């Protein structure tokens, strides 16, 4: 691990402070950057996401994807967390904290809207940033790509009815343009670019050199994304610090709850650590672009739902980096127990 990576937590903290300060002192500039979007997808952020994930996608050999079936336990655990647990656990946490414990400290008229935003945030698993988290925990890249692709297919079918059921709506307007454009921009286009670069580098015998050259840009793009996200909302953070802090509580608990459960389930089923790591991270992270767009289309730009989804955007990177750190530091513990479980499965116990 490089010195830069070793102090990544420090750089993240500095980027958060810098982002809030820039957003506060130069709101016009960041409003202009924030307006550079198509179907609620911010194009500068999309470019930074490309820089983050393309180096990871270059490592993927598509001919090896057939081997992912060996990790069916990890796929099953992740699907269970994403679709059978996370939206419902977030709804329960929202009702407990927002409608209960924190109710006296929040605007009464926005309580239901805040809860709706939290549900929207949890109803769709992340599609792009998980490649960064997977890479940082040395995750199996083919598993990560396959799991993301599978979640995208399920999301197209399940997002509307799942959210509609939890929100009590008979009909929900799904921002299909945002959903489809996000999949194209964050998955399809980077995969095509990465595989073209991979093919060229292999032909020239320079694949290792290319990966080494691109790796620093991936982390720099991650930090630049963090500065942008906090700068976009610098004014809101300073204007409503208590509301944002309270909304962050159920979101943060939800991340650790689902990541921890996914990690533990993979361990007791005997799955490899390189699969359990990305499984936990995919199970915990959220597709915040889709959540923000859906909240705005359903409840309005200034609604509590929109603010709740934005809080999810703000805490996504620092909280997920802490999950990455936990996964990495617990590898010895995980593999010690996993060896026992794999032996038990091998004996048919």
Protein backbone atom coordinates (compact mmCIF):
# COMPACT_ATOMS: atom_id res chain seq x y z
CA UNK A 1 0.00 0.00 0.00
CA UNK A 2 1.38 3.41 -0.98
CA UNK A 3 1.78 6.32 1.45
CA UNK A 4 -1.06 8.08 -0.34
CA UNK A 5 -3.41 5.11 0.17
CA UNK A 6 -2.30 4.65 3.79
CA UNK A 7 -3.50 8.16 4.66
CA UNK A 8 -6.64 8.01 2.51
CA UNK A 9 -8.87 8.70 5.53
CA UNK A 10 -7.02 11.97 6.14
CA UNK A 11 -7.37 13.03 2.50
CA UNK A 12 -11.10 12.21 2.63
CA UNK A 13 -11.56 14.39 5.72
CA UNK A 14 -9.68 17.26 4.09
CA UNK A 15 -11.76 16.92 0.91
CA UNK A 16 -14.98 17.12 2.91
CA UNK A 17 -13.83 20.33 4.61
CA UNK A 18 -12.56 21.82 1.34
CA UNK A 19 -15.77 20.86 -0.48
CA UNK A 20 -18.04 22.47 2.14
CA UNK A 21 -15.88 25.61 2.19
CA UNK A 22 -15.82 25.93 -1.60
CA UNK A 23 -19.57 25.37 -1.83
CA UNK A 24 -20.15 28.04 0.81
CA UNK A 25 -17.83 30.72 -0.59
CA UNK A 26 -18.32 30.02 -4.31
CA UNK A 27 -21.92 28.79 -4.60
CA UNK A 28 -22.42 30.18 -8.11
CA UNK A 29 -19.52 28.25 -9.59
CA UNK A 30 -20.70 24.95 -8.17
CA UNK A 31 -24.31 25.62 -9.10
CA UNK A 32 -23.04 25.98 -12.68
CA UNK A 33 -21.14 22.67 -12.45
CA UNK A 34 -24.13 21.01 -10.80
CA UNK A 35 -26.36 22.12 -13.67
CA UNK A 36 -24.23 20.21 -16.18
CA UNK A 37 -26.49 17.19 -16.24
CA UNK A 38 -28.63 15.05 -18.48
CA UNK A 39 -31.67 13.25 -16.98
CA UNK A 40 -30.47 14.22 -13.47
CA UNK A 41 -27.07 12.58 -14.10
CA UNK A 42 -24.25 15.04 -13.47
CA UNK A 43 -21.76 14.82 -16.34
CA UNK A 44 -18.61 16.06 -14.49
CA UNK A 45 -19.26 13.46 -11.78
CA UNK A 46 -19.79 10.83 -14.50
CA UNK A 47 -16.37 11.64 -15.98
CA UNK A 48 -14.75 11.35 -12.54
CA UNK A 49 -16.49 8.00 -12.02
CA UNK A 50 -14.98 6.83 -15.32
CA UNK A 51 -11.52 7.78 -14.07
CA UNK A 52 -12.22 5.87 -10.85
CA UNK A 53 -13.52 2.62 -12.29
CA UNK A 54 -11.83 2.20 -15.67
CA UNK A 55 -8.49 1.07 -14.10
CA UNK A 56 -10.44 -1.62 -12.20
CA UNK A 57 -12.38 -2.68 -15.27
CA UNK A 58 -9.16 -3.04 -17.28
CA UNK A 59 -8.18 -5.85 -14.90
CA UNK A 60 -11.25 -7.89 -15.88
CA UNK A 61 -10.81 -10.75 -18.31
CA UNK A 62 -14.28 -11.38 -19.72
CA UNK A 63 -13.36 -14.93 -20.67
CA UNK A 64 -13.09 -15.68 -16.93
CA UNK A 65 -16.64 -14.52 -16.10
CA UNK A 66 -17.91 -18.09 -16.42
CA UNK A 67 -15.99 -18.88 -13.23
CA UNK A 68 -18.30 -16.60 -11.22
CA UNK A 69 -20.77 -19.49 -10.80
CA UNK A 70 -18.32 -20.92 -8.26
CA UNK A 71 -19.21 -17.97 -6.03
CA UNK A 72 -22.95 -18.66 -5.97
CA UNK A 73 -23.04 -18.31 -2.19
CA UNK A 74 -21.75 -14.74 -2.41
CA UNK A 75 -24.25 -13.91 -5.14
CA UNK A 76 -27.10 -15.35 -3.09
CA UNK A 77 -26.07 -13.42 0.04
CA UNK A 78 -25.79 -10.14 -1.86
CA UNK A 79 -29.17 -10.56 -3.55
CA UNK A 80 -30.79 -11.34 -0.20
CA UNK A 81 -29.31 -8.23 1.43
CA UNK A 82 -30.06 -5.90 -1.49
CA UNK A 83 -33.61 -6.94 -2.25
CA UNK A 84 -35.08 -8.81 0.74
CA UNK A 85 -33.55 -6.84 3.61
CA UNK A 86 -32.09 -3.39 2.89
CA UNK A 87 -35.23 -1.49 1.77
CA UNK A 88 -37.25 -2.90 4.67
CA UNK A 89 -34.53 -2.32 7.29
CA UNK A 90 -34.21 1.28 6.11
CA UNK A 91 -37.97 1.78 6.38
CA UNK A 92 -37.89 0.46 9.96
CA UNK A 93 -34.91 2.64 10.86
CA UNK A 94 -36.62 5.66 9.31
CA UNK A 95 -39.82 5.09 11.25
CA UNK A 96 -37.91 4.48 14.49
CA UNK A 97 -35.54 7.46 14.30
CA UNK A 98 -37.22 10.05 12.09
CA UNK A 99 -40.85 9.47 13.10
CA UNK A 100 -39.93 8.59 16.67
CA UNK A 101 -36.70 9.46 18.47
CA UNK A 102 -35.76 12.54 16.40
CA UNK A 103 -39.29 13.82 15.69
CA UNK A 104 -39.15 16.76 18.16
CA UNK A 105 -36.01 18.10 16.45
CA UNK A 106 -37.24 17.93 12.83
CA UNK A 107 -39.79 19.99 10.86
CA UNK A 108 -43.11 18.21 11.47
CA UNK A 109 -44.36 18.80 7.93
CA UNK A 110 -41.36 16.97 6.43
CA UNK A 111 -41.31 13.83 8.61
CA UNK A 112 -43.05 11.55 6.09
CA UNK A 113 -41.03 13.05 3.25
CA UNK A 114 -37.74 12.34 5.04
CA UNK A 115 -38.74 8.70 5.52
CA UNK A 116 -39.72 8.44 1.85
CA UNK A 117 -36.29 9.73 0.84
CA UNK A 118 -34.55 7.15 3.01
CA UNK A 119 -36.61 4.36 1.44
CA UNK A 120 -35.80 5.60 -2.08
CA UNK A 121 -32.12 5.65 -1.15
CA UNK A 122 -32.12 2.03 0.05
CA UNK A 123 -34.27 0.57 -2.73
CA UNK A 124 -31.56 0.49 -5.39
CA UNK A 125 -28.03 -0.91 -4.97
CA UNK A 126 -25.05 1.08 -6.22
CA UNK A 127 -23.83 0.46 -9.76
CA UNK A 128 -20.53 2.32 -10.14
CA UNK A 129 -18.75 3.23 -6.90
CA UNK A 130 -18.73 -0.40 -5.79
CA UNK A 131 -15.95 -1.05 -8.30
CA UNK A 132 -13.82 1.40 -6.29
CA UNK A 133 -14.72 -0.21 -2.95
CA UNK A 134 -14.13 -3.70 -4.38
CA UNK A 135 -10.70 -2.70 -5.64
CA UNK A 136 -9.72 -1.16 -2.30
CA UNK A 137 -10.56 -4.40 -0.45
CA UNK A 138 -8.86 -6.57 -3.11
CA UNK A 139 -12.22 -7.96 -4.19
CA UNK A 140 -12.76 -10.50 -6.97
CA UNK A 141 -13.40 -8.21 -9.99
CA UNK A 142 -15.39 -10.73 -12.02
CA UNK A 143 -17.75 -11.32 -9.11
CA UNK A 144 -18.20 -7.56 -8.66
CA UNK A 145 -19.01 -6.97 -12.33
CA UNK A 146 -21.42 -9.91 -12.49
CA UNK A 147 -23.20 -8.87 -9.29
CA UNK A 148 -23.58 -5.28 -10.47
CA UNK A 149 -24.96 -6.41 -13.83
CA UNK A 150 -27.43 -8.74 -12.12
CA UNK A 151 -28.58 -5.99 -9.76
CA UNK A 152 -29.11 -3.63 -12.71
CA UNK A 153 -31.42 -6.12 -14.39
CA UNK A 154 -33.41 -6.68 -11.19
CA UNK A 155 -33.56 -2.93 -10.53
CA UNK A 156 -35.31 -2.24 -13.83
CA UNK A 157 -38.04 -4.69 -12.83
CA UNK A 158 -38.25 -4.34 -9.04
CA UNK A 159 -37.50 -0.71 -8.16
CA UNK A 160 -40.96 0.74 -8.87
CA UNK A 161 -43.12 -1.95 -7.21
CA UNK A 162 -40.79 -2.21 -4.20
CA UNK A 163 -40.75 1.54 -3.57
CA UNK A 164 -44.45 1.79 -4.32
CA UNK A 165 -45.23 -0.86 -1.72
CA UNK A 166 -43.07 0.73 0.99
CA UNK A 167 -44.32 4.25 0.29
CA UNK A 168 -47.92 3.15 0.01
CA UNK A 169 -48.30 4.56 -3.48
CA UNK A 170 -50.51 2.86 -6.05
CA UNK A 171 -48.36 4.24 -8.84
CA UNK A 172 -44.83 5.60 -8.75
CA UNK A 173 -43.10 7.59 -11.44
CA UNK A 174 -39.75 5.97 -12.09
CA UNK A 175 -37.15 8.27 -13.70
CA UNK A 176 -36.38 5.72 -16.39
CA UNK A 177 -34.14 8.14 -18.29
CA UNK A 178 -31.95 8.54 -15.19
CA UNK A 179 -31.88 4.80 -14.53
CA UNK A 180 -31.01 3.79 -18.08
CA UNK A 181 -28.56 6.64 -18.69
CA UNK A 182 -26.77 5.87 -15.42
CA UNK A 183 -26.34 2.22 -16.40
CA UNK A 184 -25.00 3.25 -19.82
CA UNK A 185 -22.67 5.96 -18.46
CA UNK A 186 -21.45 4.15 -15.36
CA UNK A 187 -21.29 0.56 -16.65
CA UNK A 188 -21.57 0.10 -20.42
CA UNK A 189 -19.33 2.94 -21.62
CA UNK A 190 -16.53 2.39 -19.05
CA UNK A 191 -16.54 -1.36 -19.76
CA UNK A 192 -16.15 -0.74 -23.49
CA UNK A 193 -13.36 1.81 -22.98
CA UNK A 194 -11.58 -0.41 -20.45
CA UNK A 195 -11.69 -3.50 -22.66
CA UNK A 196 -10.37 -1.53 -25.65
CA UNK A 197 -7.46 -0.27 -23.52
CA UNK A 198 -6.89 -3.77 -22.14
CA UNK A 199 -6.79 -5.34 -25.60
CA UNK A 200 -4.36 -2.72 -26.87
CA UNK A 201 -2.10 -3.00 -23.82
CA UNK A 202 -1.99 -6.81 -23.99
CA UNK A 203 -1.08 -6.64 -27.67
CA UNK A 204 1.80 -4.30 -26.82
CA UNK A 205 2.80 -6.19 -23.68
CA UNK A 206 2.27 -3.11 -21.50
CA UNK A 207 -0.74 -4.10 -19.38
CA UNK A 208 1.07 -3.91 -16.01
CA UNK A 209 2.60 -0.55 -16.88
CA UNK A 210 -0.80 0.82 -17.92
CA UNK A 211 -2.45 -0.30 -14.68
CA UNK A 212 0.36 1.20 -12.59
CA UNK A 213 0.08 4.49 -14.49
CA UNK A 214 -3.70 4.75 -14.12
CA UNK A 215 -4.01 3.71 -10.46
CA UNK A 216 -3.14 7.15 -8.95
CA UNK A 217 -5.73 8.83 -11.19
CA UNK A 218 -8.39 6.52 -9.78
CA UNK A 219 -7.82 7.69 -6.20
CA UNK A 220 -7.45 11.34 -7.24
CA UNK A 221 -10.79 11.11 -9.06
CA UNK A 222 -12.37 9.61 -5.92
CA UNK A 223 -11.22 12.58 -3.83
CA UNK A 224 -12.25 15.09 -6.51
CA UNK A 225 -15.72 13.51 -6.57
CA UNK A 226 -15.93 13.93 -2.82
CA UNK A 227 -15.02 17.64 -3.08
CA UNK A 228 -17.70 18.14 -5.74
CA UNK A 229 -20.45 16.32 -3.84
CA UNK A 230 -19.86 18.31 -0.65
CA UNK A 231 -19.43 21.57 -2.57
CA UNK A 232 -22.79 21.04 -4.30
CA UNK A 233 -24.46 20.91 -0.88
CA UNK A 234 -22.15 23.24 1.08
CA UNK A 235 -24.93 25.76 1.64
CA UNK A 236 -27.41 23.16 2.89
CA UNK A 237 -24.87 21.64 5.27
CA UNK A 238 -24.16 25.01 6.87
CA UNK A 239 -27.84 26.05 6.88
CA UNK A 240 -29.28 22.80 8.28
CA UNK A 241 -26.50 20.97 10.14
CA UNK A 242 -28.80 19.39 12.76
CA UNK A 243 -31.30 18.03 10.21
CA UNK A 244 -28.50 16.58 8.09
CA UNK A 245 -26.79 15.03 11.12
CA UNK A 246 -30.04 13.40 12.27
CA UNK A 247 -30.84 12.05 8.80
CA UNK A 248 -27.35 10.62 8.63
CA UNK A 249 -27.96 8.40 11.69
CA UNK A 250 -30.34 5.81 10.12
CA UNK A 251 -28.38 5.85 6.86
CA UNK A 252 -25.10 5.13 8.66
CA UNK A 253 -26.64 2.39 10.81
CA UNK A 254 -28.17 0.84 7.71
CA UNK A 255 -24.78 0.71 5.97
CA UNK A 256 -23.01 -1.01 8.87
CA UNK A 257 -25.96 -3.32 9.56
CA UNK A 258 -26.23 -4.63 6.00
CA UNK A 259 -22.49 -4.72 5.34
CA UNK A 260 -21.87 -6.59 8.58
CA UNK A 261 -24.65 -9.10 7.96
CA UNK A 262 -23.51 -9.78 4.39
CA UNK A 263 -19.91 -10.21 5.54
CA UNK A 264 -20.95 -12.62 8.31
CA UNK A 265 -23.29 -14.65 6.06
CA UNK A 266 -20.51 -15.09 3.51
CA UNK A 267 -18.18 -16.24 6.27
CA UNK A 268 -20.54 -18.86 7.71
CA UNK A 269 -21.29 -20.21 4.21
CA UNK A 270 -17.56 -20.63 3.52
CA UNK A 271 -17.24 -18.00 0.77
CA UNK A 272 -13.78 -16.60 -0.02
CA UNK A 273 -12.78 -13.25 1.48
CA UNK A 274 -12.23 -11.73 -1.98
CA UNK A 275 -15.95 -12.30 -2.62
CA UNK A 276 -17.24 -11.48 0.87
CA UNK A 277 -15.66 -8.02 0.76
CA UNK A 278 -17.42 -6.77 -2.40
CA UNK A 279 -20.57 -8.66 -1.39
CA UNK A 280 -20.73 -6.67 1.86
CA UNK A 281 -19.99 -3.40 0.08
CA UNK A 282 -22.53 -3.96 -2.70
CA UNK A 283 -25.07 -4.98 -0.08
CA UNK A 284 -24.56 -1.76 1.88
CA UNK A 285 -24.12 0.92 -0.81
CA UNK A 286 -26.85 2.87 -2.58
CA UNK A 287 -27.58 4.11 -6.11
CA UNK A 288 -27.84 7.73 -5.00
CA UNK A 289 -28.23 9.20 -8.52
CA UNK A 290 -31.44 7.26 -9.03
CA UNK A 291 -32.65 7.99 -5.49
CA UNK A 292 -32.14 11.76 -5.84
CA UNK A 293 -33.86 11.84 -9.23
CA UNK A 294 -36.83 9.80 -7.99
CA UNK A 295 -37.18 11.97 -4.86
CA UNK A 296 -37.19 15.17 -6.90
CA UNK A 297 -39.69 13.84 -9.45
CA UNK A 298 -42.05 12.51 -6.74
CA UNK A 299 -41.79 15.14 -4.00
CA UNK A 300 -40.01 18.18 -5.47
CA UNK A 301 -36.56 19.74 -5.38
CA UNK A 302 -37.01 21.40 -1.97
CA UNK A 303 -38.70 18.42 -0.30
CA UNK A 304 -37.49 16.52 2.74
CA UNK A 305 -37.23 13.41 0.53
CA UNK A 306 -34.76 15.14 -1.79
CA UNK A 307 -32.70 16.32 1.20
CA UNK A 308 -32.65 12.82 2.72
CA UNK A 309 -31.30 11.31 -0.51
CA UNK A 310 -28.67 14.05 -0.71
CA UNK A 311 -27.51 13.18 2.82
CA UNK A 312 -27.03 9.64 1.51
CA UNK A 313 -24.79 11.07 -1.21
CA UNK A 314 -22.73 13.01 1.32
CA UNK A 315 -21.99 10.14 3.69
CA UNK A 316 -21.59 7.44 1.03
CA UNK A 317 -17.85 7.85 0.46
CA UNK A 318 -16.53 8.32 4.03
CA UNK A 319 -18.79 5.62 5.50
CA UNK A 320 -18.05 3.10 2.75
CA UNK A 321 -14.32 3.75 3.12
CA UNK A 322 -14.65 2.84 6.80
CA UNK A 323 -16.36 -0.43 5.78
CA UNK A 324 -13.46 -1.11 3.39
CA UNK A 325 -11.03 -0.60 6.28
CA UNK A 326 -12.98 -3.02 8.49
CA UNK A 327 -13.06 -5.66 5.74
CA UNK A 328 -9.32 -5.34 5.14
CA UNK A 329 -8.32 -5.40 8.81
CA UNK A 330 -10.52 -8.39 9.62
CA UNK A 331 -9.20 -10.60 6.82
CA UNK A 332 -7.25 -12.93 9.13
CA UNK A 333 -10.29 -13.36 11.40
CA UNK A 334 -12.52 -14.00 8.39
CA UNK A 335 -10.26 -16.57 6.77
CA UNK A 336 -9.69 -18.42 10.06
CA UNK A 337 -13.42 -19.03 10.41
CA UNK A 338 -13.97 -19.47 6.69
CA UNK A 339 -11.48 -22.35 6.55
CA UNK A 340 -13.51 -24.19 9.17
CA UNK A 341 -16.76 -23.60 7.28
CA UNK A 342 -15.27 -24.70 3.94
CA UNK A 343 -14.01 -27.89 5.58
CA UNK A 344 -17.48 -28.54 7.02
CA UNK A 345 -19.12 -27.99 3.63
CA UNK A 346 -16.57 -30.27 2.04
CA UNK A 347 -17.55 -33.05 4.43
CA UNK A 348 -21.23 -32.46 3.73
CA UNK A 349 -21.98 -31.21 7.25
